[in-house]
PDB file of N, CA and C in Angstrom:
ATOM      1  N   UNK A   1      85.639  27.550  86.488  1.00  0.00           N
ATOM      2  CA  UNK A   1      87.046  27.227  86.351  1.00  0.00           C
ATOM      3  C   UNK A   1      87.338  25.926  87.097  1.00  0.00           C
ATOM      4  N   UNK A   2      87.989  24.957  86.457  1.00  0.00           N
ATOM      5  CA  UNK A   2      88.320  23.710  87.126  1.00  0.00           C
ATOM      6  C   UNK A   2      89.217  23.942  88.339  1.00  0.00           C
ATOM      7  N   UNK A   3      89.138  23.037  89.293  1.00  0.00           N
ATOM      8  CA  UNK A   3      89.936  23.154  90.502  1.00  0.00           C
ATOM      9  C   UNK A   3      90.917  21.999  90.586  1.00  0.00           C
ATOM     10  N   UNK A   4      91.908  22.143  91.448  1.00  0.00           N
ATOM     11  CA  UNK A   4      92.879  21.083  91.717  1.00  0.00           C
ATOM     12  C   UNK A   4      92.374  20.275  92.899  1.00  0.00           C
ATOM     13  N   UNK A   5      92.196  18.971  92.701  1.00  0.00           N
ATOM     14  CA  UNK A   5      91.633  18.104  93.729  1.00  0.00           C
ATOM     15  C   UNK A   5      92.512  18.015  94.974  1.00  0.00           C
ATOM     16  N   UNK A   6      93.747  18.505  94.921  1.00  0.00           N
ATOM     17  CA  UNK A   6      94.609  18.456  96.092  1.00  0.00           C
ATOM     18  C   UNK A   6      94.389  19.661  97.009  1.00  0.00           C
ATOM     19  N   UNK A   7      93.556  20.603  96.603  1.00  0.00           N
ATOM     20  CA  UNK A   7      93.290  21.785  97.419  1.00  0.00           C
ATOM     21  C   UNK A   7      92.520  21.426  98.674  1.00  0.00           C
ATOM     22  N   UNK A   8      92.662  22.260  99.692  1.00  0.00           N
ATOM     23  CA  UNK A   8      91.882  22.086 100.914  1.00  0.00           C
ATOM     24  C   UNK A   8      90.411  22.374 100.619  1.00  0.00           C
ATOM     25  N   UNK A   9      89.550  21.811 101.430  1.00  0.00           N
ATOM     26  CA  UNK A   9      88.118  22.025 101.259  1.00  0.00           C
ATOM     27  C   UNK A   9      87.782  23.497 101.468  1.00  0.00           C
ATOM     28  N   UNK A  10      86.967  24.052 100.576  1.00  0.00           N
ATOM     29  CA  UNK A  10      86.551  25.449 100.640  1.00  0.00           C
ATOM     30  C   UNK A  10      85.120  25.510 101.173  1.00  0.00           C
ATOM     31  N   UNK A  11      84.947  25.967 102.400  1.00  0.00           N
ATOM     32  CA  UNK A  11      83.626  26.030 103.045  1.00  0.00           C
ATOM     33  C   UNK A  11      82.655  26.978 102.344  1.00  0.00           C
ATOM     34  N   UNK A  12      83.157  27.815 101.426  1.00  0.00           N
ATOM     35  CA  UNK A  12      82.276  28.750 100.732  1.00  0.00           C
ATOM     36  C   UNK A  12      81.786  28.204  99.389  1.00  0.00           C
ATOM     37  N   UNK A  13      82.141  26.961  99.033  1.00  0.00           N
ATOM     38  CA  UNK A  13      81.696  26.430  97.744  1.00  0.00           C
ATOM     39  C   UNK A  13      80.171  26.286  97.736  1.00  0.00           C
ATOM     40  N   UNK A  14      79.596  26.273  96.560  1.00  0.00           N
ATOM     41  CA  UNK A  14      78.139  26.292  96.406  1.00  0.00           C
ATOM     42  C   UNK A  14      77.466  25.096  97.084  1.00  0.00           C
ATOM     43  N   UNK A  15      78.079  23.922  97.041  1.00  0.00           N
ATOM     44  CA  UNK A  15      77.449  22.758  97.651  1.00  0.00           C
ATOM     45  C   UNK A  15      77.485  22.843  99.172  1.00  0.00           C
ATOM     46  N   UNK A  16      78.555  23.389  99.735  1.00  0.00           N
ATOM     47  CA  UNK A  16      78.606  23.611 101.183  1.00  0.00           C
ATOM     48  C   UNK A  16      77.508  24.594 101.593  1.00  0.00           C
ATOM     49  N   UNK A  17      77.291  25.601 100.766  1.00  0.00           N
ATOM     50  CA  UNK A  17      76.243  26.592 101.060  1.00  0.00           C
ATOM     51  C   UNK A  17      74.856  25.965 100.955  1.00  0.00           C
ATOM     52  N   UNK A  18      74.658  25.073  99.985  1.00  0.00           N
ATOM     53  CA  UNK A  18      73.383  24.347  99.870  1.00  0.00           C
ATOM     54  C   UNK A  18      73.175  23.485 101.112  1.00  0.00           C
ATOM     55  N   UNK A  19      74.222  22.765 101.535  1.00  0.00           N
ATOM     56  CA  UNK A  19      74.113  21.904 102.713  1.00  0.00           C
ATOM     57  C   UNK A  19      73.773  22.698 103.970  1.00  0.00           C
ATOM     58  N   UNK A  20      74.267  23.929 104.076  1.00  0.00           N
ATOM     59  CA  UNK A  20      73.959  24.779 105.241  1.00  0.00           C
ATOM     60  C   UNK A  20      72.600  25.464 105.131  1.00  0.00           C
ATOM     61  N   UNK A  21      71.914  25.295 103.997  1.00  0.00           N
ATOM     62  CA  UNK A  21      70.613  25.920 103.807  1.00  0.00           C
ATOM     63  C   UNK A  21      70.676  27.372 103.371  1.00  0.00           C
ATOM     64  N   UNK A  22      71.856  27.842 102.978  1.00  0.00           N
ATOM     65  CA  UNK A  22      72.019  29.233 102.541  1.00  0.00           C
ATOM     66  C   UNK A  22      71.558  29.433 101.103  1.00  0.00           C
ATOM     67  N   UNK A  23      71.567  28.368 100.323  1.00  0.00           N
ATOM     68  CA  UNK A  23      71.155  28.397  98.923  1.00  0.00           C
ATOM     69  C   UNK A  23      70.124  27.287  98.745  1.00  0.00           C
ATOM     70  N   UNK A  24      68.979  27.596  98.124  1.00  0.00           N
ATOM     71  CA  UNK A  24      67.961  26.554  97.949  1.00  0.00           C
ATOM     72  C   UNK A  24      68.348  25.545  96.874  1.00  0.00           C
ATOM     73  N   UNK A  25      67.707  24.390  96.934  1.00  0.00           N
ATOM     74  CA  UNK A  25      67.892  23.380  95.897  1.00  0.00           C
ATOM     75  C   UNK A  25      66.575  22.635  95.717  1.00  0.00           C
ATOM     76  N   UNK A  26      66.453  21.973  94.591  1.00  0.00           N
ATOM     77  CA  UNK A  26      65.296  21.133  94.294  1.00  0.00           C
ATOM     78  C   UNK A  26      65.660  19.700  94.700  1.00  0.00           C
ATOM     79  N   UNK A  27      65.396  19.386  95.978  1.00  0.00           N
ATOM     80  CA  UNK A  27      65.829  18.134  96.574  1.00  0.00           C
ATOM     81  C   UNK A  27      65.147  16.926  95.943  1.00  0.00           C
ATOM     82  N   UNK A  28      65.956  15.905  95.658  1.00  0.00           N
ATOM     83  CA  UNK A  28      65.481  14.637  95.112  1.00  0.00           C
ATOM     84  C   UNK A  28      65.554  13.555  96.184  1.00  0.00           C
ATOM     85  N   UNK A  29      66.584  13.624  97.044  1.00  0.00           N
ATOM     86  CA  UNK A  29      66.829  12.598  98.044  1.00  0.00           C
ATOM     87  C   UNK A  29      67.682  13.190  99.161  1.00  0.00           C
ATOM     88  N   UNK A  30      67.455  12.704 100.389  1.00  0.00           N
ATOM     89  CA  UNK A  30      68.311  13.105 101.502  1.00  0.00           C
ATOM     90  C   UNK A  30      68.272  12.033 102.575  1.00  0.00           C
ATOM     91  N   UNK A  31      69.443  11.757 103.150  1.00  0.00           N
ATOM     92  CA  UNK A  31      69.532  10.924 104.342  1.00  0.00           C
ATOM     93  C   UNK A  31      70.607  11.541 105.241  1.00  0.00           C
ATOM     94  N   UNK A  32      71.078  10.817 106.225  1.00  0.00           N
ATOM     95  CA  UNK A  32      72.057  11.375 107.164  1.00  0.00           C
ATOM     96  C   UNK A  32      73.383  11.736 106.514  1.00  0.00           C
ATOM     97  N   UNK A  33      73.726  11.082 105.409  1.00  0.00           N
ATOM     98  CA  UNK A  33      75.047  11.257 104.806  1.00  0.00           C
ATOM     99  C   UNK A  33      75.047  11.836 103.403  1.00  0.00           C
ATOM    100  N   UNK A  34      73.889  11.911 102.760  1.00  0.00           N
ATOM    101  CA  UNK A  34      73.822  12.250 101.333  1.00  0.00           C
ATOM    102  C   UNK A  34      72.704  13.253 101.062  1.00  0.00           C
ATOM    103  N   UNK A  35      72.961  14.153 100.123  1.00  0.00           N
ATOM    104  CA  UNK A  35      71.927  15.034  99.587  1.00  0.00           C
ATOM    105  C   UNK A  35      71.995  14.932  98.069  1.00  0.00           C
ATOM    106  N   UNK A  36      70.839  14.819  97.433  1.00  0.00           N
ATOM    107  CA  UNK A  36      70.764  14.796  95.971  1.00  0.00           C
ATOM    108  C   UNK A  36      69.719  15.811  95.537  1.00  0.00           C
ATOM    109  N   UNK A  37      70.022  16.527  94.467  1.00  0.00           N
ATOM    110  CA  UNK A  37      69.123  17.573  93.986  1.00  0.00           C
ATOM    111  C   UNK A  37      69.276  17.733  92.485  1.00  0.00           C
ATOM    112  N   UNK A  38      68.256  18.301  91.865  1.00  0.00           N
ATOM    113  CA  UNK A  38      68.282  18.546  90.426  1.00  0.00           C
ATOM    114  C   UNK A  38      69.283  19.647  90.102  1.00  0.00           C
ATOM    115  N   UNK A  39      70.035  19.441  89.022  1.00  0.00           N
ATOM    116  CA  UNK A  39      70.985  20.445  88.557  1.00  0.00           C
ATOM    117  C   UNK A  39      70.209  21.663  88.055  1.00  0.00           C
ATOM    118  N   UNK A  40      70.691  22.858  88.352  1.00  0.00           N
ATOM    119  CA  UNK A  40      69.970  24.072  87.927  1.00  0.00           C
ATOM    120  C   UNK A  40      70.136  24.356  86.435  1.00  0.00           C
ATOM    121  N   UNK A  41      71.128  23.731  85.800  1.00  0.00           N
ATOM    122  CA  UNK A  41      71.339  23.858  84.362  1.00  0.00           C
ATOM    123  C   UNK A  41      71.459  22.460  83.764  1.00  0.00           C
ATOM    124  N   UNK A  42      70.353  21.709  83.736  1.00  0.00           N
ATOM    125  CA  UNK A  42      70.431  20.312  83.294  1.00  0.00           C
ATOM    126  C   UNK A  42      70.837  20.181  81.837  1.00  0.00           C
ATOM    127  N   UNK A  43      71.620  19.129  81.572  1.00  0.00           N
ATOM    128  CA  UNK A  43      72.012  18.841  80.185  1.00  0.00           C
ATOM    129  C   UNK A  43      71.403  17.530  79.692  1.00  0.00           C
ATOM    130  N   UNK A  44      70.496  16.972  80.475  1.00  0.00           N
ATOM    131  CA  UNK A  44      69.715  15.791  80.092  1.00  0.00           C
ATOM    132  C   UNK A  44      68.369  15.927  80.797  1.00  0.00           C
ATOM    133  N   UNK A  45      67.336  15.224  80.322  1.00  0.00           N
ATOM    134  CA  UNK A  45      66.031  15.318  80.982  1.00  0.00           C
ATOM    135  C   UNK A  45      66.090  15.020  82.478  1.00  0.00           C
ATOM    136  N   UNK A  46      66.899  14.053  82.867  1.00  0.00           N
ATOM    137  CA  UNK A  46      67.196  13.810  84.279  1.00  0.00           C
ATOM    138  C   UNK A  46      68.654  14.166  84.488  1.00  0.00           C
ATOM    139  N   UNK A  47      68.911  15.124  85.372  1.00  0.00           N
ATOM    140  CA  UNK A  47      70.284  15.529  85.701  1.00  0.00           C
ATOM    141  C   UNK A  47      70.297  15.854  87.189  1.00  0.00           C
ATOM    142  N   UNK A  48      70.714  14.861  87.968  1.00  0.00           N
ATOM    143  CA  UNK A  48      70.716  14.969  89.422  1.00  0.00           C
ATOM    144  C   UNK A  48      72.159  15.015  89.912  1.00  0.00           C
ATOM    145  N   UNK A  49      72.423  15.888  90.875  1.00  0.00           N
ATOM    146  CA  UNK A  49      73.720  15.945  91.538  1.00  0.00           C
ATOM    147  C   UNK A  49      73.586  15.230  92.871  1.00  0.00           C
ATOM    148  N   UNK A  50      74.500  14.313  93.140  1.00  0.00           N
ATOM    149  CA  UNK A  50      74.504  13.557  94.386  1.00  0.00           C
ATOM    150  C   UNK A  50      75.783  13.917  95.124  1.00  0.00           C
ATOM    151  N   UNK A  51      75.638  14.408  96.370  1.00  0.00           N
ATOM    152  CA  UNK A  51      76.808  14.847  97.136  1.00  0.00           C
ATOM    153  C   UNK A  51      76.807  14.229  98.528  1.00  0.00           C
ATOM    154  N   UNK A  52      78.003  13.919  99.032  1.00  0.00           N
ATOM    155  CA  UNK A  52      78.074  13.531 100.433  1.00  0.00           C
ATOM    156  C   UNK A  52      77.916  14.786 101.291  1.00  0.00           C
ATOM    157  N   UNK A  53      77.381  14.636 102.483  1.00  0.00           N
ATOM    158  CA  UNK A  53      77.220  15.786 103.373  1.00  0.00           C
ATOM    159  C   UNK A  53      78.533  16.195 104.043  1.00  0.00           C
ATOM    160  N   UNK A  54      79.503  15.292 104.049  1.00  0.00           N
ATOM    161  CA  UNK A  54      80.808  15.619 104.619  1.00  0.00           C
ATOM    162  C   UNK A  54      81.611  16.509 103.700  1.00  0.00           C
ATOM    163  N   UNK A  55      82.633  17.152 104.267  1.00  0.00           N
ATOM    164  CA  UNK A  55      83.496  18.089 103.544  1.00  0.00           C
ATOM    165  C   UNK A  55      84.599  17.342 102.800  1.00  0.00           C
ATOM    166  N   UNK A  56      84.254  16.800 101.632  1.00  0.00           N
ATOM    167  CA  UNK A  56      85.202  16.050 100.810  1.00  0.00           C
ATOM    168  C   UNK A  56      85.375  16.742  99.469  1.00  0.00           C
ATOM    169  N   UNK A  57      86.608  16.941  99.065  1.00  0.00           N
ATOM    170  CA  UNK A  57      86.902  17.640  97.816  1.00  0.00           C
ATOM    171  C   UNK A  57      86.711  16.741  96.609  1.00  0.00           C
ATOM    172  N   UNK A  58      87.150  15.492  96.711  1.00  0.00           N
ATOM    173  CA  UNK A  58      87.214  14.627  95.537  1.00  0.00           C
ATOM    174  C   UNK A  58      86.894  13.188  95.908  1.00  0.00           C
ATOM    175  N   UNK A  59      86.810  12.348  94.878  1.00  0.00           N
ATOM    176  CA  UNK A  59      86.593  10.921  95.109  1.00  0.00           C
ATOM    177  C   UNK A  59      87.738  10.345  95.929  1.00  0.00           C
ATOM    178  N   UNK A  60      88.973  10.734  95.633  1.00  0.00           N
ATOM    179  CA  UNK A  60      90.131  10.252  96.370  1.00  0.00           C
ATOM    180  C   UNK A  60      90.048  10.659  97.845  1.00  0.00           C
ATOM    181  N   UNK A  61      89.707  11.903  98.088  1.00  0.00           N
ATOM    182  CA  UNK A  61      89.552  12.423  99.450  1.00  0.00           C
ATOM    183  C   UNK A  61      88.466  11.634 100.188  1.00  0.00           C
ATOM    184  N   UNK A  62      87.325  11.445  99.544  1.00  0.00           N
ATOM    185  CA  UNK A  62      86.191  10.731 100.130  1.00  0.00           C
ATOM    186  C   UNK A  62      86.548   9.276 100.430  1.00  0.00           C
ATOM    187  N   UNK A  63      87.136   8.584  99.462  1.00  0.00           N
ATOM    188  CA  UNK A  63      87.444   7.166  99.656  1.00  0.00           C
ATOM    189  C   UNK A  63      88.522   6.964 100.710  1.00  0.00           C
ATOM    190  N   UNK A  64      89.365   7.967 100.917  1.00  0.00           N
ATOM    191  CA  UNK A  64      90.427   7.869 101.913  1.00  0.00           C
ATOM    192  C   UNK A  64      90.017   8.273 103.316  1.00  0.00           C
ATOM    193  N   UNK A  65      89.044   9.170 103.454  1.00  0.00           N
ATOM    194  CA  UNK A  65      88.708   9.713 104.773  1.00  0.00           C
ATOM    195  C   UNK A  65      87.297   9.417 105.271  1.00  0.00           C
ATOM    196  N   UNK A  66      86.372   9.108 104.387  1.00  0.00           N
ATOM    197  CA  UNK A  66      84.982   8.906 104.805  1.00  0.00           C
ATOM    198  C   UNK A  66      84.834   7.601 105.586  1.00  0.00           C
ATOM    199  N   UNK A  67      83.827   7.581 106.447  1.00  0.00           N
ATOM    200  CA  UNK A  67      83.530   6.361 107.197  1.00  0.00           C
ATOM    201  C   UNK A  67      82.883   5.332 106.264  1.00  0.00           C
ATOM    202  N   UNK A  68      82.885   4.089 106.711  1.00  0.00           N
ATOM    203  CA  UNK A  68      82.219   3.031 105.947  1.00  0.00           C
ATOM    204  C   UNK A  68      80.744   3.366 105.757  1.00  0.00           C
ATOM    205  N   UNK A  69      80.119   3.944 106.783  1.00  0.00           N
ATOM    206  CA  UNK A  69      78.694   4.307 106.692  1.00  0.00           C
ATOM    207  C   UNK A  69      78.464   5.378 105.635  1.00  0.00           C
ATOM    208  N   UNK A  70      79.358   6.375 105.558  1.00  0.00           N
ATOM    209  CA  UNK A  70      79.217   7.429 104.548  1.00  0.00           C
ATOM    210  C   UNK A  70      79.387   6.865 103.144  1.00  0.00           C
ATOM    211  N   UNK A  71      80.383   6.014 102.957  1.00  0.00           N
ATOM    212  CA  UNK A  71      80.635   5.434 101.640  1.00  0.00           C
ATOM    213  C   UNK A  71      79.460   4.570 101.210  1.00  0.00           C
ATOM    214  N   UNK A  72      78.988   3.715 102.105  1.00  0.00           N
ATOM    215  CA  UNK A  72      77.854   2.848 101.764  1.00  0.00           C
ATOM    216  C   UNK A  72      76.614   3.670 101.443  1.00  0.00           C
ATOM    217  N   UNK A  73      76.344   4.700 102.232  1.00  0.00           N
ATOM    218  CA  UNK A  73      75.160   5.535 102.006  1.00  0.00           C
ATOM    219  C   UNK A  73      75.239   6.240 100.659  1.00  0.00           C
ATOM    220  N   UNK A  74      76.417   6.717 100.285  1.00  0.00           N
ATOM    221  CA  UNK A  74      76.596   7.426  99.023  1.00  0.00           C
ATOM    222  C   UNK A  74      76.332   6.502  97.837  1.00  0.00           C
ATOM    223  N   UNK A  75      76.944   5.336  97.861  1.00  0.00           N
ATOM    224  CA  UNK A  75      76.766   4.376  96.763  1.00  0.00           C
ATOM    225  C   UNK A  75      75.315   3.908  96.686  1.00  0.00           C
ATOM    226  N   UNK A  76      74.727   3.599  97.829  1.00  0.00           N
ATOM    227  CA  UNK A  76      73.327   3.149  97.836  1.00  0.00           C
ATOM    228  C   UNK A  76      72.383   4.241  97.357  1.00  0.00           C
ATOM    229  N   UNK A  77      72.646   5.482  97.731  1.00  0.00           N
ATOM    230  CA  UNK A  77      71.786   6.592  97.319  1.00  0.00           C
ATOM    231  C   UNK A  77      71.781   6.742  95.808  1.00  0.00           C
ATOM    232  N   UNK A  78      72.929   6.600  95.179  1.00  0.00           N
ATOM    233  CA  UNK A  78      73.004   6.738  93.725  1.00  0.00           C
ATOM    234  C   UNK A  78      72.130   5.681  93.059  1.00  0.00           C
ATOM    235  N   UNK A  79      72.230   4.438  93.512  1.00  0.00           N
ATOM    236  CA  UNK A  79      71.390   3.377  92.951  1.00  0.00           C
ATOM    237  C   UNK A  79      69.913   3.626  93.176  1.00  0.00           C
ATOM    238  N   UNK A  80      69.546   4.053  94.368  1.00  0.00           N
ATOM    239  CA  UNK A  80      68.147   4.344  94.694  1.00  0.00           C
ATOM    240  C   UNK A  80      67.597   5.467  93.820  1.00  0.00           C
ATOM    241  N   UNK A  81      68.361   6.518  93.658  1.00  0.00           N
ATOM    242  CA  UNK A  81      67.931   7.659  92.839  1.00  0.00           C
ATOM    243  C   UNK A  81      67.719   7.226  91.388  1.00  0.00           C
ATOM    244  N   UNK A  82      68.636   6.418  90.868  1.00  0.00           N
ATOM    245  CA  UNK A  82      68.492   5.917  89.494  1.00  0.00           C
ATOM    246  C   UNK A  82      67.224   5.078  89.358  1.00  0.00           C
ATOM    247  N   UNK A  83      66.966   4.204  90.322  1.00  0.00           N
ATOM    248  CA  UNK A  83      65.753   3.372  90.270  1.00  0.00           C
ATOM    249  C   UNK A  83      64.500   4.231  90.354  1.00  0.00           C
ATOM    250  N   UNK A  84      64.471   5.179  91.288  1.00  0.00           N
ATOM    251  CA  UNK A  84      63.286   6.021  91.453  1.00  0.00           C
ATOM    252  C   UNK A  84      63.027   6.914  90.252  1.00  0.00           C
ATOM    253  N   UNK A  85      64.078   7.256  89.510  1.00  0.00           N
ATOM    254  CA  UNK A  85      63.937   8.076  88.302  1.00  0.00           C
ATOM    255  C   UNK A  85      63.521   7.237  87.100  1.00  0.00           C
ATOM    256  N   UNK A  86      63.450   5.915  87.277  1.00  0.00           N
ATOM    257  CA  UNK A  86      63.118   5.037  86.158  1.00  0.00           C
ATOM    258  C   UNK A  86      64.240   4.942  85.143  1.00  0.00           C
ATOM    259  N   UNK A  87      65.468   5.145  85.599  1.00  0.00           N
ATOM    260  CA  UNK A  87      66.602   5.230  84.684  1.00  0.00           C
ATOM    261  C   UNK A  87      67.368   3.924  84.504  1.00  0.00           C
ATOM    262  N   UNK A  88      67.105   2.926  85.339  1.00  0.00           N
ATOM    263  CA  UNK A  88      67.886   1.697  85.255  1.00  0.00           C
ATOM    264  C   UNK A  88      67.751   1.067  83.877  1.00  0.00           C
ATOM    265  N   UNK A  89      66.538   1.026  83.380  1.00  0.00           N
ATOM    266  CA  UNK A  89      66.309   0.576  82.007  1.00  0.00           C
ATOM    267  C   UNK A  89      65.518   1.701  81.343  1.00  0.00           C
ATOM    268  N   UNK A  90      66.008   2.391  80.401  1.00  0.00           N
ATOM    269  CA  UNK A  90      66.965   2.003  79.375  1.00  0.00           C
ATOM    270  C   UNK A  90      68.425   2.333  79.673  1.00  0.00           C
ATOM    271  N   UNK A  91      68.730   2.994  80.761  1.00  0.00           N
ATOM    272  CA  UNK A  91      70.117   3.254  81.111  1.00  0.00           C
ATOM    273  C   UNK A  91      70.360   4.686  81.547  1.00  0.00           C
ATOM    274  N   UNK A  92      71.497   4.876  82.161  1.00  0.00           N
ATOM    275  CA  UNK A  92      71.889   6.195  82.668  1.00  0.00           C
ATOM    276  C   UNK A  92      73.402   6.288  82.708  1.00  0.00           C
ATOM    277  N   UNK A  93      73.903   7.482  82.981  1.00  0.00           N
ATOM    278  CA  UNK A  93      75.343   7.722  83.089  1.00  0.00           C
ATOM    279  C   UNK A  93      75.632   8.392  84.413  1.00  0.00           C
ATOM    280  N   UNK A  94      76.747   7.978  85.028  1.00  0.00           N
ATOM    281  CA  UNK A  94      77.276   8.641  86.210  1.00  0.00           C
ATOM    282  C   UNK A  94      78.575   9.316  85.813  1.00  0.00           C
ATOM    283  N   UNK A  95      78.781  10.533  86.316  1.00  0.00           N
ATOM    284  CA  UNK A  95      80.005  11.269  86.002  1.00  0.00           C
ATOM    285  C   UNK A  95      80.482  11.981  87.260  1.00  0.00           C
ATOM    286  N   UNK A  96      81.747  11.756  87.602  1.00  0.00           N
ATOM    287  CA  UNK A  96      82.383  12.492  88.696  1.00  0.00           C
ATOM    288  C   UNK A  96      83.659  13.109  88.142  1.00  0.00           C
ATOM    289  N   UNK A  97      83.675  14.416  88.004  1.00  0.00           N
ATOM    290  CA  UNK A  97      84.859  15.126  87.540  1.00  0.00           C
ATOM    291  C   UNK A  97      85.771  15.356  88.746  1.00  0.00           C
ATOM    292  N   UNK A  98      87.060  15.035  88.593  1.00  0.00           N
ATOM    293  CA  UNK A  98      88.000  15.187  89.694  1.00  0.00           C
ATOM    294  C   UNK A  98      89.227  15.940  89.216  1.00  0.00           C
ATOM    295  N   UNK A  99      89.532  17.037  89.863  1.00  0.00           N
ATOM    296  CA  UNK A  99      90.740  17.799  89.591  1.00  0.00           C
ATOM    297  C   UNK A  99      90.697  18.586  88.298  1.00  0.00           C
ATOM    298  N   UNK A 100      91.787  19.261  88.034  1.00  0.00           N
ATOM    299  CA  UNK A 100      91.904  20.141  86.878  1.00  0.00           C
ATOM    300  C   UNK A 100      91.726  19.402  85.563  1.00  0.00           C
ATOM    301  N   UNK A 101      92.415  18.306  85.380  1.00  0.00           N
ATOM    302  CA  UNK A 101      92.305  17.566  84.119  1.00  0.00           C
ATOM    303  C   UNK A 101      90.933  16.929  83.957  1.00  0.00           C
ATOM    304  N   UNK A 102      90.270  16.615  85.066  1.00  0.00           N
ATOM    305  CA  UNK A 102      88.937  16.015  85.004  1.00  0.00           C
ATOM    306  C   UNK A 102      87.832  17.030  84.816  1.00  0.00           C
ATOM    307  N   UNK A 103      88.155  18.318  84.900  1.00  0.00           N
ATOM    308  CA  UNK A 103      87.157  19.362  84.692  1.00  0.00           C
ATOM    309  C   UNK A 103      86.306  19.681  85.913  1.00  0.00           C
ATOM    310  N   UNK A 104      86.787  19.350  87.115  1.00  0.00           N
ATOM    311  CA  UNK A 104      86.005  19.631  88.322  1.00  0.00           C
ATOM    312  C   UNK A 104      85.892  21.138  88.529  1.00  0.00           C
ATOM    313  N   UNK A 105      84.663  21.613  88.721  1.00  0.00           N
ATOM    314  CA  UNK A 105      84.417  23.041  88.889  1.00  0.00           C
ATOM    315  C   UNK A 105      84.059  23.418  90.312  1.00  0.00           C
ATOM    316  N   UNK A 106      83.466  22.510  91.075  1.00  0.00           N
ATOM    317  CA  UNK A 106      83.096  22.785  92.466  1.00  0.00           C
ATOM    318  C   UNK A 106      83.935  21.884  93.362  1.00  0.00           C
ATOM    319  N   UNK A 107      84.655  22.453  94.339  1.00  0.00           N
ATOM    320  CA  UNK A 107      85.540  21.662  95.173  1.00  0.00           C
ATOM    321  C   UNK A 107      84.814  20.904  96.290  1.00  0.00           C
ATOM    322  N   UNK A 108      83.792  20.173  95.897  1.00  0.00           N
ATOM    323  CA  UNK A 108      83.058  19.276  96.807  1.00  0.00           C
ATOM    324  C   UNK A 108      82.699  18.064  95.956  1.00  0.00           C
ATOM    325  N   UNK A 109      83.045  16.859  96.431  1.00  0.00           N
ATOM    326  CA  UNK A 109      82.744  15.664  95.660  1.00  0.00           C
ATOM    327  C   UNK A 109      81.283  15.658  95.250  1.00  0.00           C
ATOM    328  N   UNK A 110      81.036  15.377  93.987  1.00  0.00           N
ATOM    329  CA  UNK A 110      79.665  15.237  93.499  1.00  0.00           C
ATOM    330  C   UNK A 110      79.645  14.323  92.291  1.00  0.00           C
ATOM    331  N   UNK A 111      78.555  13.590  92.190  1.00  0.00           N
ATOM    332  CA  UNK A 111      78.338  12.706  91.056  1.00  0.00           C
ATOM    333  C   UNK A 111      77.123  13.219  90.303  1.00  0.00           C
ATOM    334  N   UNK A 112      77.263  13.364  88.988  1.00  0.00           N
ATOM    335  CA  UNK A 112      76.147  13.720  88.121  1.00  0.00           C
ATOM    336  C   UNK A 112      75.477  12.421  87.690  1.00  0.00           C
ATOM    337  N   UNK A 113      74.167  12.360  87.783  1.00  0.00           N
ATOM    338  CA  UNK A 113      73.401  11.239  87.250  1.00  0.00           C
ATOM    339  C   UNK A 113      72.582  11.799  86.092  1.00  0.00           C
ATOM    340  N   UNK A 114      72.877  11.309  84.872  1.00  0.00           N
ATOM    341  CA  UNK A 114      72.205  11.749  83.656  1.00  0.00           C
ATOM    342  C   UNK A 114      71.327  10.624  83.133  1.00  0.00           C
ATOM    343  N   UNK A 115      70.125  10.944  82.683  1.00  0.00           N
ATOM    344  CA  UNK A 115      69.235   9.937  82.098  1.00  0.00           C
ATOM    345  C   UNK A 115      68.136  10.640  81.317  1.00  0.00           C
ATOM    346  N   UNK A 116      67.298   9.813  80.667  1.00  0.00           N
ATOM    347  CA  UNK A 116      66.117  10.339  80.008  1.00  0.00           C
ATOM    348  C   UNK A 116      66.197  10.453  78.506  1.00  0.00           C
ATOM    349  N   UNK A 117      67.370  10.176  77.936  1.00  0.00           N
ATOM    350  CA  UNK A 117      67.552  10.189  76.487  1.00  0.00           C
ATOM    351  C   UNK A 117      68.875   9.500  76.184  1.00  0.00           C
ATOM    352  N   UNK A 118      69.100   9.093  74.912  1.00  0.00           N
ATOM    353  CA  UNK A 118      70.420   8.574  74.555  1.00  0.00           C
ATOM    354  C   UNK A 118      71.471   9.655  74.805  1.00  0.00           C
ATOM    355  N   UNK A 119      72.559   9.285  75.457  1.00  0.00           N
ATOM    356  CA  UNK A 119      73.547  10.268  75.899  1.00  0.00           C
ATOM    357  C   UNK A 119      74.765  10.381  74.992  1.00  0.00           C
ATOM    358  N   UNK A 120      74.878   9.516  74.007  1.00  0.00           N
ATOM    359  CA  UNK A 120      76.001   9.616  73.083  1.00  0.00           C
ATOM    360  C   UNK A 120      77.297   9.099  73.686  1.00  0.00           C
ATOM    361  N   UNK A 121      78.412   9.328  72.994  1.00  0.00           N
ATOM    362  CA  UNK A 121      79.700   8.817  73.465  1.00  0.00           C
ATOM    363  C   UNK A 121      80.113   9.501  74.769  1.00  0.00           C
ATOM    364  N   UNK A 122      80.924   8.792  75.515  1.00  0.00           N
ATOM    365  CA  UNK A 122      81.363   9.302  76.814  1.00  0.00           C
ATOM    366  C   UNK A 122      82.221  10.548  76.656  1.00  0.00           C
ATOM    367  N   UNK A 123      83.167  10.513  75.727  1.00  0.00           N
ATOM    368  CA  UNK A 123      84.033  11.657  75.459  1.00  0.00           C
ATOM    369  C   UNK A 123      84.074  11.892  73.964  1.00  0.00           C
ATOM    370  N   UNK A 124      84.250  13.143  73.583  1.00  0.00           N
ATOM    371  CA  UNK A 124      84.415  13.452  72.154  1.00  0.00           C
ATOM    372  C   UNK A 124      85.700  12.785  71.675  1.00  0.00           C
ATOM    373  N   UNK A 125      85.664  12.228  70.492  1.00  0.00           N
ATOM    374  CA  UNK A 125      86.844  11.532  69.964  1.00  0.00           C
ATOM    375  C   UNK A 125      87.731  12.500  69.227  1.00  0.00           C
TER     376      UNK A 125
END
């Protein structure tokens, strides 16, 4: 069920539980500020979730409250993961769902990195 990005951070969300080590993940990348792991239900040959380690609900929340170091690490991690996956050429897609209208299902900021095949149009027409 989509969530409202204005909600308070929920410490019981699945990504918070992964960050605490309560739920396993197939780790792709980790540094002091970022964790990236393979999606358990991939919809492309490469489907990686990239999350900040801080308790941020949405892109707006993250961009407003995160430190410069957290923001830089998050953006750099996404580029590094794409390069290491060999996705830069022929291409990849980044998707961050935010709020109810955006279809956000987990109340923790996350970016999907999709690659490995032609992905088609961004939205159904």
